[in-house]
C-alpha atoms as a PDB file:
ATOM      1  CA  MET A   1     129.132 -79.919-118.880  1.00  0.00           C
ATOM      2  CA  ASP A   2     132.033 -82.355-118.616  1.00  0.00           C
ATOM      3  CA  PHE A   3     134.822 -82.343-121.200  1.00  0.00           C
ATOM      4  CA  THR A   4     138.495 -83.141-121.477  1.00  0.00           C
ATOM      5  CA  PRO A   5     140.659 -80.102-122.294  1.00  0.00           C
ATOM      6  CA  GLU A   6     142.601 -80.396-125.550  1.00  0.00           C
ATOM      7  CA  GLU A   7     145.179 -78.214-127.277  1.00  0.00           C
ATOM      8  CA  HIS A   8     142.651 -76.796-129.793  1.00  0.00           C
ATOM      9  CA  MET A   9     139.030 -76.168-128.847  1.00  0.00           C
ATOM     10  CA  LEU A  10     136.139 -74.006-129.952  1.00  0.00           C
ATOM     11  CA  LEU A  11     133.476 -72.794-127.518  1.00  0.00           C
ATOM     12  CA  LEU A  12     130.200 -71.322-128.698  1.00  0.00           C
ATOM     13  CA  HIS A  13     126.705 -70.446-127.489  1.00  0.00           C
ATOM     14  CA  TYR A  14     123.698 -70.217-129.762  1.00  0.00           C
ATOM     15  CA  ALA A  15     119.925 -70.656-129.688  1.00  0.00           C
ATOM     16  CA  ASP A  16     119.115 -74.387-129.644  1.00  0.00           C
ATOM     17  CA  ARG A  17     117.328 -75.346-132.849  1.00  0.00           C
ATOM     18  CA  PRO A  18     117.415 -78.200-135.370  1.00  0.00           C
ATOM     19  CA  GLY A  19     120.309 -78.356-137.819  1.00  0.00           C
ATOM     20  CA  MET A  20     122.922 -76.498-135.789  1.00  0.00           C
ATOM     21  CA  ILE A  21     125.244 -79.464-135.217  1.00  0.00           C
ATOM     22  CA  GLY A  22     125.041 -80.261-138.929  1.00  0.00           C
ATOM     23  CA  LYS A  23     126.031 -76.689-139.811  1.00  0.00           C
ATOM     24  CA  LEU A  24     129.059 -76.891-137.528  1.00  0.00           C
ATOM     25  CA  GLY A  25     130.163 -80.225-138.975  1.00  0.00           C
ATOM     26  CA  THR A  26     129.652 -79.094-142.550  1.00  0.00           C
ATOM     27  CA  ILE A  27     131.670 -75.892-142.136  1.00  0.00           C
ATOM     28  CA  MET A  28     134.491 -77.691-140.338  1.00  0.00           C
ATOM     29  CA  GLY A  29     134.537 -80.486-142.937  1.00  0.00           C
ATOM     30  CA  GLN A  30     134.642 -78.055-145.847  1.00  0.00           C
ATOM     31  CA  ARG A  31     137.664 -76.386-144.215  1.00  0.00           C
ATOM     32  CA  ASP A  32     139.399 -79.722-143.460  1.00  0.00           C
ATOM     33  CA  ILE A  33     139.226 -79.147-139.697  1.00  0.00           C
ATOM     34  CA  ASN A  34     138.676 -82.442-137.897  1.00  0.00           C
ATOM     35  CA  ILE A  35     136.380 -82.539-134.864  1.00  0.00           C
ATOM     36  CA  ALA A  36     137.874 -84.946-132.327  1.00  0.00           C
ATOM     37  CA  ALA A  37     135.050 -84.597-129.787  1.00  0.00           C
ATOM     38  CA  MET A  38     131.876 -82.584-129.297  1.00  0.00           C
ATOM     39  CA  ASN A  39     130.252 -81.759-125.977  1.00  0.00           C
ATOM     40  CA  LEU A  40     126.817 -80.177-126.028  1.00  0.00           C
ATOM     41  CA  GLY A  41     124.631 -78.823-123.275  1.00  0.00           C
ATOM     42  CA  ARG A  42     121.600 -76.602-123.099  1.00  0.00           C
ATOM     43  CA  SER A  43     119.665 -74.727-120.474  1.00  0.00           C
ATOM     44  CA  GLU A  44     116.280 -76.018-121.687  1.00  0.00           C
ATOM     45  CA  LYS A  45     114.533 -77.258-124.840  1.00  0.00           C
ATOM     46  CA  ARG A  46     114.977 -74.610-127.518  1.00  0.00           C
ATOM     47  CA  GLY A  47     116.960 -72.542-125.004  1.00  0.00           C
ATOM     48  CA  GLU A  48     120.580 -71.430-125.131  1.00  0.00           C
ATOM     49  CA  ALA A  49     122.945 -74.217-126.193  1.00  0.00           C
ATOM     50  CA  MET A  50     126.651 -74.409-125.442  1.00  0.00           C
ATOM     51  CA  VAL A  51     129.063 -76.484-127.530  1.00  0.00           C
ATOM     52  CA  ILE A  52     132.695 -77.280-126.868  1.00  0.00           C
ATOM     53  CA  LEU A  53     134.508 -78.794-129.829  1.00  0.00           C
ATOM     54  CA  SER A  54     137.858 -80.518-129.391  1.00  0.00           C
ATOM     55  CA  LEU A  55     139.750 -80.143-132.663  1.00  0.00           C
ATOM     56  CA  ASP A  56     142.852 -81.555-134.321  1.00  0.00           C
ATOM     57  CA  SER A  57     143.961 -78.090-135.462  1.00  0.00           C
ATOM     58  CA  ALA A  58     143.359 -74.393-134.916  1.00  0.00           C
ATOM     59  CA  VAL A  59     140.379 -72.620-136.467  1.00  0.00           C
ATOM     60  CA  PRO A  60     141.291 -69.635-138.667  1.00  0.00           C
ATOM     61  CA  ALA A  61     139.566 -66.302-137.971  1.00  0.00           C
ATOM     62  CA  GLU A  62     137.590 -66.424-141.224  1.00  0.00           C
ATOM     63  CA  VAL A  63     136.126 -69.815-140.238  1.00  0.00           C
ATOM     64  CA  ILE A  64     135.184 -68.445-136.809  1.00  0.00           C
ATOM     65  CA  GLU A  65     133.286 -65.664-138.558  1.00  0.00           C
ATOM     66  CA  GLU A  66     131.618 -68.110-140.950  1.00  0.00           C
ATOM     67  CA  ILE A  67     130.440 -70.224-137.988  1.00  0.00           C
ATOM     68  CA  ARG A  68     129.245 -67.113-136.125  1.00  0.00           C
ATOM     69  CA  GLN A  69     127.092 -66.106-139.090  1.00  0.00           C
ATOM     70  CA  ALA A  70     125.803 -69.623-139.859  1.00  0.00           C
ATOM     71  CA  THR A  71     124.756 -70.303-136.257  1.00  0.00           C
ATOM     72  CA  ASP A  72     123.955 -66.739-135.168  1.00  0.00           C
ATOM     73  CA  ALA A  73     126.221 -67.492-132.191  1.00  0.00           C
ATOM     74  CA  SER A  74     125.862 -65.154-129.224  1.00  0.00           C
ATOM     75  CA  PHE A  75     129.398 -66.131-128.128  1.00  0.00           C
ATOM     76  CA  ILE A  76     132.213 -67.879-129.963  1.00  0.00           C
ATOM     77  CA  ARG A  77     135.809 -68.283-128.873  1.00  0.00           C
ATOM     78  CA  PRO A  78     138.690 -70.407-130.143  1.00  0.00           C
ATOM     79  CA  ILE A  79     140.843 -71.785-127.341  1.00  0.00           C
ATOM     80  CA  HIS A  80     144.485 -72.757-127.745  1.00  0.00           C
ATOM     81  CA  MET A  81     146.314 -74.436-124.875  1.00  0.00           C
ATOM     82  CA  PRO A  82     149.769 -75.410-126.184  1.00  0.00           C
ATOM     83  CA  SER A  83     150.690 -77.020-122.866  1.00  0.00           C
ATOM     84  CA  LEU A  84     148.179 -79.780-123.704  1.00  0.00           C
ATOM     85  CA  LYS A  85     149.821 -80.937-126.928  1.00  0.00           C
ATOM     86  CA  THR A  86     149.405 -84.640-127.336  1.00  0.00           C
ATOM     87  CA  GLU A  87     152.335 -86.806-128.291  1.00  0.00           C
ATOM     88  CA  LYS A  88     152.329 -88.352-131.750  1.00  0.00           C
ATOM     89  CA  ARG A  89     151.975 -92.104-131.505  1.00  0.00           C
END
């Protein structure tokens, strides 16, 4: 999977099934966390899916847990790389 590293990202794996991207977007939207980019890959139809979200802000621990439960994620990890801060334009 190709993606551009950003300061705030969220990586997760879950079983590929309909409605998962909608769940992610809904939870993030309800928490006012903007998704700047989404990269999705999967091993096979209905297999394990991997998503990397590039975000405008960090994801609080309680939102991570909410996403884990909503998606039944087998792996979920917020990533913060402060050296990649983008300049305000």
